[in-house]
PDB file of N, CA and C in Angstrom:
ATOM      1  N   MET A   1       5.909  -6.977  -7.889  1.00  0.00           N
ATOM      2  CA  MET A   1       5.017  -5.988  -7.369  1.00  0.00           C
ATOM      3  C   MET A   1       5.659  -4.624  -7.477  1.00  0.00           C
ATOM      4  N   THR A   2       4.846  -3.646  -7.744  1.00  0.00           N
ATOM      5  CA  THR A   2       5.331  -2.286  -7.833  1.00  0.00           C
ATOM      6  C   THR A   2       4.535  -1.394  -6.904  1.00  0.00           C
ATOM      7  N   VAL A   3       5.238  -0.623  -6.112  1.00  0.00           N
ATOM      8  CA  VAL A   3       4.633   0.479  -5.370  1.00  0.00           C
ATOM      9  C   VAL A   3       5.328   1.708  -5.902  1.00  0.00           C
ATOM     10  N   SER A   4       4.574   2.564  -6.563  1.00  0.00           N
ATOM     11  CA  SER A   4       5.193   3.743  -7.165  1.00  0.00           C
ATOM     12  C   SER A   4       4.552   5.005  -6.610  1.00  0.00           C
ATOM     13  N   THR A   5       5.315   6.079  -6.666  1.00  0.00           N
ATOM     14  CA  THR A   5       4.797   7.374  -6.235  1.00  0.00           C
ATOM     15  C   THR A   5       4.944   8.362  -7.373  1.00  0.00           C
ATOM     16  N   ALA A   6       3.986   9.252  -7.470  1.00  0.00           N
ATOM     17  CA  ALA A   6       4.020  10.269  -8.516  1.00  0.00           C
ATOM     18  C   ALA A   6       3.218  11.470  -8.059  1.00  0.00           C
ATOM     19  N   SER A   7       3.589  12.612  -8.566  1.00  0.00           N
ATOM     20  CA  SER A   7       2.809  13.828  -8.366  1.00  0.00           C
ATOM     21  C   SER A   7       2.134  14.149  -9.687  1.00  0.00           C
ATOM     22  N   PRO A   8       0.806  14.016  -9.754  1.00  0.00           N
ATOM     23  CA  PRO A   8       0.111  14.262 -11.012  1.00  0.00           C
ATOM     24  C   PRO A   8       0.292  15.697 -11.481  1.00  0.00           C
ATOM     25  N   PRO A   9       0.387  15.912 -12.784  1.00  0.00           N
ATOM     26  CA  PRO A   9       0.520  17.272 -13.309  1.00  0.00           C
ATOM     27  C   PRO A   9      -0.677  18.121 -12.904  1.00  0.00           C
ATOM     28  N   GLY A  10      -0.407  19.322 -12.497  1.00  0.00           N
ATOM     29  CA  GLY A  10      -1.468  20.243 -12.117  1.00  0.00           C
ATOM     30  C   GLY A  10      -2.048  20.012 -10.737  1.00  0.00           C
ATOM     31  N   ASN A  11      -1.532  19.045 -10.007  1.00  0.00           N
ATOM     32  CA  ASN A  11      -2.027  18.758  -8.664  1.00  0.00           C
ATOM     33  C   ASN A  11      -0.922  19.024  -7.649  1.00  0.00           C
ATOM     34  N   ASP A  12      -0.522  20.252  -7.550  1.00  0.00           N
ATOM     35  CA  ASP A  12       0.556  20.613  -6.632  1.00  0.00           C
ATOM     36  C   ASP A  12       0.248  20.146  -5.218  1.00  0.00           C
ATOM     37  N   GLY A  13       1.211  19.489  -4.627  1.00  0.00           N
ATOM     38  CA  GLY A  13       1.076  19.058  -3.249  1.00  0.00           C
ATOM     39  C   GLY A  13       0.442  17.693  -3.075  1.00  0.00           C
ATOM     40  N   VAL A  14      -0.006  17.070  -4.149  1.00  0.00           N
ATOM     41  CA  VAL A  14      -0.620  15.750  -4.061  1.00  0.00           C
ATOM     42  C   VAL A  14       0.390  14.703  -4.508  1.00  0.00           C
ATOM     43  N   ARG A  15       0.550  13.663  -3.708  1.00  0.00           N
ATOM     44  CA  ARG A  15       1.421  12.544  -4.069  1.00  0.00           C
ATOM     45  C   ARG A  15       0.560  11.300  -4.130  1.00  0.00           C
ATOM     46  N   VAL A  16       0.602  10.619  -5.244  1.00  0.00           N
ATOM     47  CA  VAL A  16      -0.161   9.393  -5.428  1.00  0.00           C
ATOM     48  C   VAL A  16       0.766   8.194  -5.241  1.00  0.00           C
ATOM     49  N   VAL A  17       0.398   7.298  -4.332  1.00  0.00           N
ATOM     50  CA  VAL A  17       1.118   6.053  -4.105  1.00  0.00           C
ATOM     51  C   VAL A  17       0.253   4.959  -4.713  1.00  0.00           C
ATOM     52  N   THR A  18       0.774   4.306  -5.742  1.00  0.00           N
ATOM     53  CA  THR A  18      -0.004   3.317  -6.483  1.00  0.00           C
ATOM     54  C   THR A  18       0.578   1.915  -6.305  1.00  0.00           C
ATOM     55  N   VAL A  19      -0.280   0.970  -5.961  1.00  0.00           N
ATOM     56  CA  VAL A  19       0.092  -0.437  -5.871  1.00  0.00           C
ATOM     57  C   VAL A  19      -0.301  -1.097  -7.180  1.00  0.00           C
ATOM     58  N   ASP A  20       0.626  -1.835  -7.771  1.00  0.00           N
ATOM     59  CA  ASP A  20       0.368  -2.526  -9.023  1.00  0.00           C
ATOM     60  C   ASP A  20       0.912  -3.949  -8.913  1.00  0.00           C
ATOM     61  N   ARG A  21       0.039  -4.858  -8.538  1.00  0.00           N
ATOM     62  CA  ARG A  21       0.434  -6.270  -8.391  1.00  0.00           C
ATOM     63  C   ARG A  21      -0.688  -7.147  -8.934  1.00  0.00           C
ATOM     64  N   PRO A  22      -0.670  -7.347 -10.244  1.00  0.00           N
ATOM     65  CA  PRO A  22      -1.716  -8.172 -10.860  1.00  0.00           C
ATOM     66  C   PRO A  22      -1.731  -9.576 -10.264  1.00  0.00           C
ATOM     67  N   PRO A  23      -2.851 -10.240 -10.268  1.00  0.00           N
ATOM     68  CA  PRO A  23      -4.091  -9.797 -10.903  1.00  0.00           C
ATOM     69  C   PRO A  23      -5.026  -9.021  -9.977  1.00  0.00           C
ATOM     70  N   VAL A  24      -4.831  -9.121  -8.639  1.00  0.00           N
ATOM     71  CA  VAL A  24      -5.822  -8.510  -7.735  1.00  0.00           C
ATOM     72  C   VAL A  24      -5.212  -7.620  -6.649  1.00  0.00           C
ATOM     73  N   ASN A  25      -3.942  -7.260  -6.806  1.00  0.00           N
ATOM     74  CA  ASN A  25      -3.253  -6.409  -5.836  1.00  0.00           C
ATOM     75  C   ASN A  25      -3.225  -7.003  -4.430  1.00  0.00           C
ATOM     76  N   ALA A  26      -3.093  -8.327  -4.327  1.00  0.00           N
ATOM     77  CA  ALA A  26      -2.861  -8.979  -3.039  1.00  0.00           C
ATOM     78  C   ALA A  26      -1.385  -8.792  -2.711  1.00  0.00           C
ATOM     79  N   LEU A  27      -1.094  -8.328  -1.512  1.00  0.00           N
ATOM     80  CA  LEU A  27       0.282  -7.968  -1.175  1.00  0.00           C
ATOM     81  C   LEU A  27       1.040  -9.091  -0.469  1.00  0.00           C
ATOM     82  N   PRO A  28       2.266  -9.358  -0.926  1.00  0.00           N
ATOM     83  CA  PRO A  28       3.141 -10.279  -0.198  1.00  0.00           C
ATOM     84  C   PRO A  28       3.714  -9.546   1.016  1.00  0.00           C
ATOM     85  N   VAL A  29       4.417 -10.280   1.834  1.00  0.00           N
ATOM     86  CA  VAL A  29       4.994  -9.677   3.048  1.00  0.00           C
ATOM     87  C   VAL A  29       5.765  -8.400   2.715  1.00  0.00           C
ATOM     88  N   GLN A  30       6.723  -8.475   1.804  1.00  0.00           N
ATOM     89  CA  GLN A  30       7.547  -7.305   1.484  1.00  0.00           C
ATOM     90  C   GLN A  30       6.712  -6.158   0.919  1.00  0.00           C
ATOM     91  N   GLY A  31       5.636  -6.476   0.239  1.00  0.00           N
ATOM     92  CA  GLY A  31       4.774  -5.445  -0.332  1.00  0.00           C
ATOM     93  C   GLY A  31       4.167  -4.532   0.715  1.00  0.00           C
ATOM     94  N   TRP A  32       3.804  -5.101   1.867  1.00  0.00           N
ATOM     95  CA  TRP A  32       3.256  -4.270   2.949  1.00  0.00           C
ATOM     96  C   TRP A  32       4.308  -3.291   3.454  1.00  0.00           C
ATOM     97  N   TYR A  33       5.535  -3.764   3.578  1.00  0.00           N
ATOM     98  CA  TYR A  33       6.620  -2.883   4.028  1.00  0.00           C
ATOM     99  C   TYR A  33       6.946  -1.826   2.975  1.00  0.00           C
ATOM    100  N   ASP A  34       6.916  -2.211   1.705  1.00  0.00           N
ATOM    101  CA  ASP A  34       7.155  -1.245   0.627  1.00  0.00           C
ATOM    102  C   ASP A  34       6.092  -0.156   0.626  1.00  0.00           C
ATOM    103  N   LEU A  35       4.855  -0.555   0.848  1.00  0.00           N
ATOM    104  CA  LEU A  35       3.759   0.411   0.913  1.00  0.00           C
ATOM    105  C   LEU A  35       3.963   1.361   2.092  1.00  0.00           C
ATOM    106  N   ALA A  36       4.323   0.827   3.240  1.00  0.00           N
ATOM    107  CA  ALA A  36       4.586   1.664   4.419  1.00  0.00           C
ATOM    108  C   ALA A  36       5.709   2.658   4.140  1.00  0.00           C
ATOM    109  N   ASP A  37       6.784   2.191   3.523  1.00  0.00           N
ATOM    110  CA  ASP A  37       7.915   3.071   3.204  1.00  0.00           C
ATOM    111  C   ASP A  37       7.502   4.187   2.248  1.00  0.00           C
ATOM    112  N   ALA A  38       6.683   3.854   1.253  1.00  0.00           N
ATOM    113  CA  ALA A  38       6.249   4.855   0.274  1.00  0.00           C
ATOM    114  C   ALA A  38       5.369   5.921   0.927  1.00  0.00           C
ATOM    115  N   VAL A  39       4.481   5.507   1.809  1.00  0.00           N
ATOM    116  CA  VAL A  39       3.606   6.465   2.501  1.00  0.00           C
ATOM    117  C   VAL A  39       4.434   7.356   3.421  1.00  0.00           C
ATOM    118  N   ARG A  40       5.361   6.763   4.154  1.00  0.00           N
ATOM    119  CA  ARG A  40       6.207   7.560   5.059  1.00  0.00           C
ATOM    120  C   ARG A  40       7.053   8.571   4.280  1.00  0.00           C
ATOM    121  N   ALA A  41       7.638   8.128   3.186  1.00  0.00           N
ATOM    122  CA  ALA A  41       8.471   9.029   2.377  1.00  0.00           C
ATOM    123  C   ALA A  41       7.643  10.175   1.814  1.00  0.00           C
ATOM    124  N   ALA A  42       6.459   9.875   1.323  1.00  0.00           N
ATOM    125  CA  ALA A  42       5.599  10.924   0.771  1.00  0.00           C
ATOM    126  C   ALA A  42       5.186  11.907   1.858  1.00  0.00           C
ATOM    127  N   GLY A  43       4.851  11.400   3.030  1.00  0.00           N
ATOM    128  CA  GLY A  43       4.422  12.268   4.126  1.00  0.00           C
ATOM    129  C   GLY A  43       5.518  13.173   4.645  1.00  0.00           C
ATOM    130  N   ARG A  44       6.748  12.744   4.523  1.00  0.00           N
ATOM    131  CA  ARG A  44       7.883  13.553   5.009  1.00  0.00           C
ATOM    132  C   ARG A  44       8.336  14.614   4.008  1.00  0.00           C
ATOM    133  N   ASP A  45       7.879  14.497   2.777  1.00  0.00           N
ATOM    134  CA  ASP A  45       8.266  15.451   1.735  1.00  0.00           C
ATOM    135  C   ASP A  45       7.588  16.794   2.003  1.00  0.00           C
ATOM    136  N   PRO A  46       8.356  17.865   2.198  1.00  0.00           N
ATOM    137  CA  PRO A  46       7.748  19.164   2.527  1.00  0.00           C
ATOM    138  C   PRO A  46       6.883  19.744   1.399  1.00  0.00           C
ATOM    139  N   GLU A  47       7.008  19.208   0.198  1.00  0.00           N
ATOM    140  CA  GLU A  47       6.197  19.676  -0.925  1.00  0.00           C
ATOM    141  C   GLU A  47       4.818  19.000  -0.972  1.00  0.00           C
ATOM    142  N   VAL A  48       4.643  17.947  -0.193  1.00  0.00           N
ATOM    143  CA  VAL A  48       3.410  17.168  -0.241  1.00  0.00           C
ATOM    144  C   VAL A  48       2.437  17.651   0.827  1.00  0.00           C
ATOM    145  N   ARG A  49       1.194  17.863   0.397  1.00  0.00           N
ATOM    146  CA  ARG A  49       0.124  18.278   1.319  1.00  0.00           C
ATOM    147  C   ARG A  49      -0.921  17.183   1.512  1.00  0.00           C
ATOM    148  N   CYS A  50      -0.923  16.172   0.633  1.00  0.00           N
ATOM    149  CA  CYS A  50      -1.883  15.079   0.717  1.00  0.00           C
ATOM    150  C   CYS A  50      -1.312  13.863  -0.018  1.00  0.00           C
ATOM    151  N   VAL A  51      -1.515  12.681   0.567  1.00  0.00           N
ATOM    152  CA  VAL A  51      -1.113  11.430  -0.068  1.00  0.00           C
ATOM    153  C   VAL A  51      -2.389  10.698  -0.486  1.00  0.00           C
ATOM    154  N   VAL A  52      -2.408  10.233  -1.718  1.00  0.00           N
ATOM    155  CA  VAL A  52      -3.526   9.442  -2.224  1.00  0.00           C
ATOM    156  C   VAL A  52      -3.040   8.019  -2.460  1.00  0.00           C
ATOM    157  N   LEU A  53      -3.714   7.051  -1.835  1.00  0.00           N
ATOM    158  CA  LEU A  53      -3.412   5.645  -2.073  1.00  0.00           C
ATOM    159  C   LEU A  53      -4.294   5.168  -3.211  1.00  0.00           C
ATOM    160  N   ALA A  54      -3.682   4.597  -4.229  1.00  0.00           N
ATOM    161  CA  ALA A  54      -4.421   4.115  -5.397  1.00  0.00           C
ATOM    162  C   ALA A  54      -3.899   2.746  -5.795  1.00  0.00           C
ATOM    163  N   ALA A  55      -4.585   2.131  -6.750  1.00  0.00           N
ATOM    164  CA  ALA A  55      -4.154   0.830  -7.240  1.00  0.00           C
ATOM    165  C   ALA A  55      -4.434   0.728  -8.728  1.00  0.00           C
ATOM    166  N   ALA A  56      -3.566   0.015  -9.398  1.00  0.00           N
ATOM    167  CA  ALA A  56      -3.762  -0.263 -10.816  1.00  0.00           C
ATOM    168  C   ALA A  56      -4.557  -1.560 -10.949  1.00  0.00           C
ATOM    169  N   GLY A  57      -5.203  -1.734 -12.062  1.00  0.00           N
ATOM    170  CA  GLY A  57      -5.866  -3.006 -12.326  1.00  0.00           C
ATOM    171  C   GLY A  57      -7.326  -3.052 -11.953  1.00  0.00           C
ATOM    172  N   ARG A  58      -7.793  -4.274 -11.717  1.00  0.00           N
ATOM    173  CA  ARG A  58      -9.219  -4.549 -11.556  1.00  0.00           C
ATOM    174  C   ARG A  58      -9.828  -4.010 -10.272  1.00  0.00           C
ATOM    175  N   GLY A  59      -9.092  -3.987  -9.205  1.00  0.00           N
ATOM    176  CA  GLY A  59      -9.639  -3.560  -7.925  1.00  0.00           C
ATOM    177  C   GLY A  59      -8.570  -2.913  -7.075  1.00  0.00           C
ATOM    178  N   PHE A  60      -8.992  -2.409  -5.934  1.00  0.00           N
ATOM    179  CA  PHE A  60      -8.075  -1.684  -5.068  1.00  0.00           C
ATOM    180  C   PHE A  60      -7.079  -2.614  -4.374  1.00  0.00           C
ATOM    181  N   ASN A  61      -7.577  -3.627  -3.649  1.00  0.00           N
ATOM    182  CA  ASN A  61      -6.666  -4.504  -2.919  1.00  0.00           C
ATOM    183  C   ASN A  61      -7.411  -5.756  -2.468  1.00  0.00           C
ATOM    184  N   ALA A  62      -6.753  -6.894  -2.590  1.00  0.00           N
ATOM    185  CA  ALA A  62      -7.336  -8.158  -2.137  1.00  0.00           C
ATOM    186  C   ALA A  62      -6.690  -8.637  -0.845  1.00  0.00           C
ATOM    187  N   GLY A  63      -6.002  -7.747  -0.133  1.00  0.00           N
ATOM    188  CA  GLY A  63      -5.408  -8.102   1.150  1.00  0.00           C
ATOM    189  C   GLY A  63      -4.089  -8.831   1.018  1.00  0.00           C
ATOM    190  N   VAL A  64      -3.913  -9.837   1.852  1.00  0.00           N
ATOM    191  CA  VAL A  64      -2.664 -10.604   1.925  1.00  0.00           C
ATOM    192  C   VAL A  64      -2.595 -11.595   0.756  1.00  0.00           C
ATOM    193  N   ASP A  65      -1.390 -11.818   0.263  1.00  0.00           N
ATOM    194  CA  ASP A  65      -1.174 -12.796  -0.795  1.00  0.00           C
ATOM    195  C   ASP A  65      -1.284 -14.203  -0.208  1.00  0.00           C
ATOM    196  N   ILE A  66      -2.448 -14.808  -0.354  1.00  0.00           N
ATOM    197  CA  ILE A  66      -2.705 -16.133   0.198  1.00  0.00           C
ATOM    198  C   ILE A  66      -1.770 -17.179  -0.399  1.00  0.00           C
ATOM    199  N   LYS A  67      -1.413 -17.041  -1.661  1.00  0.00           N
ATOM    200  CA  LYS A  67      -0.511 -18.013  -2.297  1.00  0.00           C
ATOM    201  C   LYS A  67       0.854 -18.014  -1.621  1.00  0.00           C
ATOM    202  N   GLU A  68       1.319 -16.845  -1.197  1.00  0.00           N
ATOM    203  CA  GLU A  68       2.590 -16.782  -0.468  1.00  0.00           C
ATOM    204  C   GLU A  68       2.463 -17.529   0.860  1.00  0.00           C
ATOM    205  N   LEU A  69       1.351 -17.355   1.537  1.00  0.00           N
ATOM    206  CA  LEU A  69       1.147 -18.050   2.810  1.00  0.00           C
ATOM    207  C   LEU A  69       1.103 -19.566   2.609  1.00  0.00           C
ATOM    208  N   GLN A  70       0.480 -20.010   1.532  1.00  0.00           N
ATOM    209  CA  GLN A  70       0.373 -21.441   1.258  1.00  0.00           C
ATOM    210  C   GLN A  70       1.729 -22.076   0.958  1.00  0.00           C
ATOM    211  N   ARG A  71       2.650 -21.316   0.392  1.00  0.00           N
ATOM    212  CA  ARG A  71       3.982 -21.851   0.058  1.00  0.00           C
ATOM    213  C   ARG A  71       4.877 -21.981   1.290  1.00  0.00           C
ATOM    214  N   ASP A  72       4.520 -21.335   2.383  1.00  0.00           N
ATOM    215  CA  ASP A  72       5.333 -21.342   3.598  1.00  0.00           C
ATOM    216  C   ASP A  72       4.953 -22.547   4.462  1.00  0.00           C
ATOM    217  N   PRO A  73       5.892 -23.475   4.683  1.00  0.00           N
ATOM    218  CA  PRO A  73       5.555 -24.656   5.483  1.00  0.00           C
ATOM    219  C   PRO A  73       5.330 -24.343   6.963  1.00  0.00           C
ATOM    220  N   GLY A  74       5.786 -23.210   7.409  1.00  0.00           N
ATOM    221  CA  GLY A  74       5.599 -22.819   8.806  1.00  0.00           C
ATOM    222  C   GLY A  74       4.613 -21.668   8.908  1.00  0.00           C
ATOM    223  N   HIS A  75       4.938 -20.750   9.796  1.00  0.00           N
ATOM    224  CA  HIS A  75       4.059 -19.606  10.008  1.00  0.00           C
ATOM    225  C   HIS A  75       4.761 -18.269   9.791  1.00  0.00           C
ATOM    226  N   GLU A  76       5.980 -18.320   9.257  1.00  0.00           N
ATOM    227  CA  GLU A  76       6.754 -17.081   9.087  1.00  0.00           C
ATOM    228  C   GLU A  76       6.067 -16.088   8.152  1.00  0.00           C
ATOM    229  N   ALA A  77       5.506 -16.572   7.046  1.00  0.00           N
ATOM    230  CA  ALA A  77       4.847 -15.670   6.098  1.00  0.00           C
ATOM    231  C   ALA A  77       3.614 -15.034   6.730  1.00  0.00           C
ATOM    232  N   LEU A  78       2.860 -15.811   7.491  1.00  0.00           N
ATOM    233  CA  LEU A  78       1.670 -15.276   8.160  1.00  0.00           C
ATOM    234  C   LEU A  78       2.059 -14.199   9.169  1.00  0.00           C
ATOM    235  N   ILE A  79       3.059 -14.478   9.952  1.00  0.00           N
ATOM    236  CA  ILE A  79       3.538 -13.500  10.937  1.00  0.00           C
ATOM    237  C   ILE A  79       4.082 -12.263  10.224  1.00  0.00           C
ATOM    238  N   GLY A  80       4.843 -12.477   9.156  1.00  0.00           N
ATOM    239  CA  GLY A  80       5.390 -11.360   8.394  1.00  0.00           C
ATOM    240  C   GLY A  80       4.298 -10.505   7.771  1.00  0.00           C
ATOM    241  N   ALA A  81       3.278 -11.153   7.228  1.00  0.00           N
ATOM    242  CA  ALA A  81       2.167 -10.406   6.629  1.00  0.00           C
ATOM    243  C   ALA A  81       1.434  -9.587   7.682  1.00  0.00           C
ATOM    244  N   ASN A  82       1.222 -10.164   8.852  1.00  0.00           N
ATOM    245  CA  ASN A  82       0.555  -9.419   9.929  1.00  0.00           C
ATOM    246  C   ASN A  82       1.379  -8.218  10.366  1.00  0.00           C
ATOM    247  N   ARG A  83       2.667  -8.416  10.521  1.00  0.00           N
ATOM    248  CA  ARG A  83       3.542  -7.308  10.932  1.00  0.00           C
ATOM    249  C   ARG A  83       3.652  -6.249   9.840  1.00  0.00           C
ATOM    250  N   GLY A  84       3.767  -6.695   8.582  1.00  0.00           N
ATOM    251  CA  GLY A  84       3.852  -5.753   7.473  1.00  0.00           C
ATOM    252  C   GLY A  84       2.579  -4.946   7.322  1.00  0.00           C
ATOM    253  N   CYS A  85       1.443  -5.611   7.461  1.00  0.00           N
ATOM    254  CA  CYS A  85       0.154  -4.916   7.387  1.00  0.00           C
ATOM    255  C   CYS A  85       0.058  -3.876   8.507  1.00  0.00           C
ATOM    256  N   ALA A  86       0.484  -4.239   9.704  1.00  0.00           N
ATOM    257  CA  ALA A  86       0.480  -3.292  10.825  1.00  0.00           C
ATOM    258  C   ALA A  86       1.382  -2.095  10.522  1.00  0.00           C
ATOM    259  N   GLU A  87       2.528  -2.338   9.883  1.00  0.00           N
ATOM    260  CA  GLU A  87       3.432  -1.244   9.499  1.00  0.00           C
ATOM    261  C   GLU A  87       2.763  -0.299   8.499  1.00  0.00           C
ATOM    262  N   ALA A  88       2.070  -0.876   7.518  1.00  0.00           N
ATOM    263  CA  ALA A  88       1.406  -0.053   6.504  1.00  0.00           C
ATOM    264  C   ALA A  88       0.304   0.796   7.139  1.00  0.00           C
ATOM    265  N   PHE A  89      -0.496   0.194   8.006  1.00  0.00           N
ATOM    266  CA  PHE A  89      -1.549   0.952   8.677  1.00  0.00           C
ATOM    267  C   PHE A  89      -0.951   2.022   9.576  1.00  0.00           C
ATOM    268  N   ALA A  90       0.120   1.700  10.295  1.00  0.00           N
ATOM    269  CA  ALA A  90       0.781   2.686  11.159  1.00  0.00           C
ATOM    270  C   ALA A  90       1.321   3.856  10.341  1.00  0.00           C
ATOM    271  N   ALA A  91       1.852   3.562   9.158  1.00  0.00           N
ATOM    272  CA  ALA A  91       2.368   4.628   8.296  1.00  0.00           C
ATOM    273  C   ALA A  91       1.252   5.582   7.890  1.00  0.00           C
ATOM    274  N   VAL A  92       0.081   5.043   7.605  1.00  0.00           N
ATOM    275  CA  VAL A  92      -1.065   5.888   7.246  1.00  0.00           C
ATOM    276  C   VAL A  92      -1.506   6.713   8.451  1.00  0.00           C
ATOM    277  N   TYR A  93      -1.665   6.069   9.593  1.00  0.00           N
ATOM    278  CA  TYR A  93      -2.135   6.779  10.787  1.00  0.00           C
ATOM    279  C   TYR A  93      -1.172   7.870  11.231  1.00  0.00           C
ATOM    280  N   ALA A  94       0.134   7.628  11.099  1.00  0.00           N
ATOM    281  CA  ALA A  94       1.136   8.580  11.580  1.00  0.00           C
ATOM    282  C   ALA A  94       1.604   9.554  10.500  1.00  0.00           C
ATOM    283  N   CYS A  95       1.054   9.471   9.326  1.00  0.00           N
ATOM    284  CA  CYS A  95       1.506  10.325   8.226  1.00  0.00           C
ATOM    285  C   CYS A  95       1.331  11.801   8.583  1.00  0.00           C
ATOM    286  N   GLU A  96       2.317  12.593   8.188  1.00  0.00           N
ATOM    287  CA  GLU A  96       2.330  14.014   8.513  1.00  0.00           C
ATOM    288  C   GLU A  96       1.270  14.816   7.767  1.00  0.00           C
ATOM    289  N   VAL A  97       0.709  14.228   6.723  1.00  0.00           N
ATOM    290  CA  VAL A  97      -0.329  14.891   5.919  1.00  0.00           C
ATOM    291  C   VAL A  97      -1.523  13.938   5.791  1.00  0.00           C
ATOM    292  N   PRO A  98      -2.689  14.461   5.393  1.00  0.00           N
ATOM    293  CA  PRO A  98      -3.839  13.569   5.212  1.00  0.00           C
ATOM    294  C   PRO A  98      -3.565  12.499   4.153  1.00  0.00           C
ATOM    295  N   VAL A  99      -4.137  11.320   4.379  1.00  0.00           N
ATOM    296  CA  VAL A  99      -4.031  10.207   3.435  1.00  0.00           C
ATOM    297  C   VAL A  99      -5.451   9.838   3.013  1.00  0.00           C
ATOM    298  N   VAL A 100      -5.649   9.772   1.701  1.00  0.00           N
ATOM    299  CA  VAL A 100      -6.947   9.443   1.133  1.00  0.00           C
ATOM    300  C   VAL A 100      -6.806   8.166   0.318  1.00  0.00           C
ATOM    301  N   ALA A 101      -7.725   7.238   0.494  1.00  0.00           N
ATOM    302  CA  ALA A 101      -7.715   6.011  -0.305  1.00  0.00           C
ATOM    303  C   ALA A 101      -8.672   6.180  -1.479  1.00  0.00           C
ATOM    304  N   ALA A 102      -8.140   6.028  -2.676  1.00  0.00           N
ATOM    305  CA  ALA A 102      -8.949   6.115  -3.895  1.00  0.00           C
ATOM    306  C   ALA A 102      -9.387   4.699  -4.255  1.00  0.00           C
ATOM    307  N   VAL A 103     -10.373   4.189  -3.526  1.00  0.00           N
ATOM    308  CA  VAL A 103     -10.821   2.813  -3.691  1.00  0.00           C
ATOM    309  C   VAL A 103     -11.731   2.721  -4.904  1.00  0.00           C
ATOM    310  N   ARG A 104     -11.344   1.828  -5.803  1.00  0.00           N
ATOM    311  CA  ARG A 104     -12.141   1.555  -6.996  1.00  0.00           C
ATOM    312  C   ARG A 104     -12.213   0.045  -7.115  1.00  0.00           C
ATOM    313  N   GLY A 105     -13.401  -0.480  -7.255  1.00  0.00           N
ATOM    314  CA  GLY A 105     -13.551  -1.916  -7.331  1.00  0.00           C
ATOM    315  C   GLY A 105     -13.523  -2.533  -5.941  1.00  0.00           C
ATOM    316  N   PHE A 106     -13.035  -3.758  -5.857  1.00  0.00           N
ATOM    317  CA  PHE A 106     -13.052  -4.477  -4.590  1.00  0.00           C
ATOM    318  C   PHE A 106     -11.959  -4.014  -3.631  1.00  0.00           C
ATOM    319  N   CYS A 107     -12.229  -4.170  -2.353  1.00  0.00           N
ATOM    320  CA  CYS A 107     -11.262  -3.899  -1.286  1.00  0.00           C
ATOM    321  C   CYS A 107     -11.567  -4.927  -0.194  1.00  0.00           C
ATOM    322  N   LEU A 108     -10.689  -5.909  -0.054  1.00  0.00           N
ATOM    323  CA  LEU A 108     -10.952  -7.059   0.813  1.00  0.00           C
ATOM    324  C   LEU A 108      -9.862  -7.256   1.854  1.00  0.00           C
ATOM    325  N   GLY A 109     -10.190  -7.956   2.914  1.00  0.00           N
ATOM    326  CA  GLY A 109      -9.196  -8.354   3.902  1.00  0.00           C
ATOM    327  C   GLY A 109      -8.398  -7.177   4.426  1.00  0.00           C
ATOM    328  N   GLY A 110      -7.070  -7.291   4.375  1.00  0.00           N
ATOM    329  CA  GLY A 110      -6.176  -6.227   4.840  1.00  0.00           C
ATOM    330  C   GLY A 110      -6.211  -4.985   3.976  1.00  0.00           C
ATOM    331  N   GLY A 111      -6.871  -5.074   2.828  1.00  0.00           N
ATOM    332  CA  GLY A 111      -6.989  -3.917   1.943  1.00  0.00           C
ATOM    333  C   GLY A 111      -7.733  -2.799   2.611  1.00  0.00           C
TER     334      GLY A 111
END
């Protein structure tokens, strides 16, 4: 999975945080934390005036990686996904600058 940040040319002050996890951008536990870290880092950058959440591929986000949950014989992955998702949402809510979601295609579950 990749969570990348970039400032598009000619868009001073805009930071794009892109999730790229084929095929449907369903996030594993660590992916939620990576997303939270990327949003927090972008929001703390004094050059950034707006953060845009985007996704590569077919759709915006399919929520939690169900396959990861199925591989876990206990409940650790489920608990981790819930906590990671809460971290990502908290990062958006507490961001120092506005956060805009560039939703294209499907957006399901925790997405």
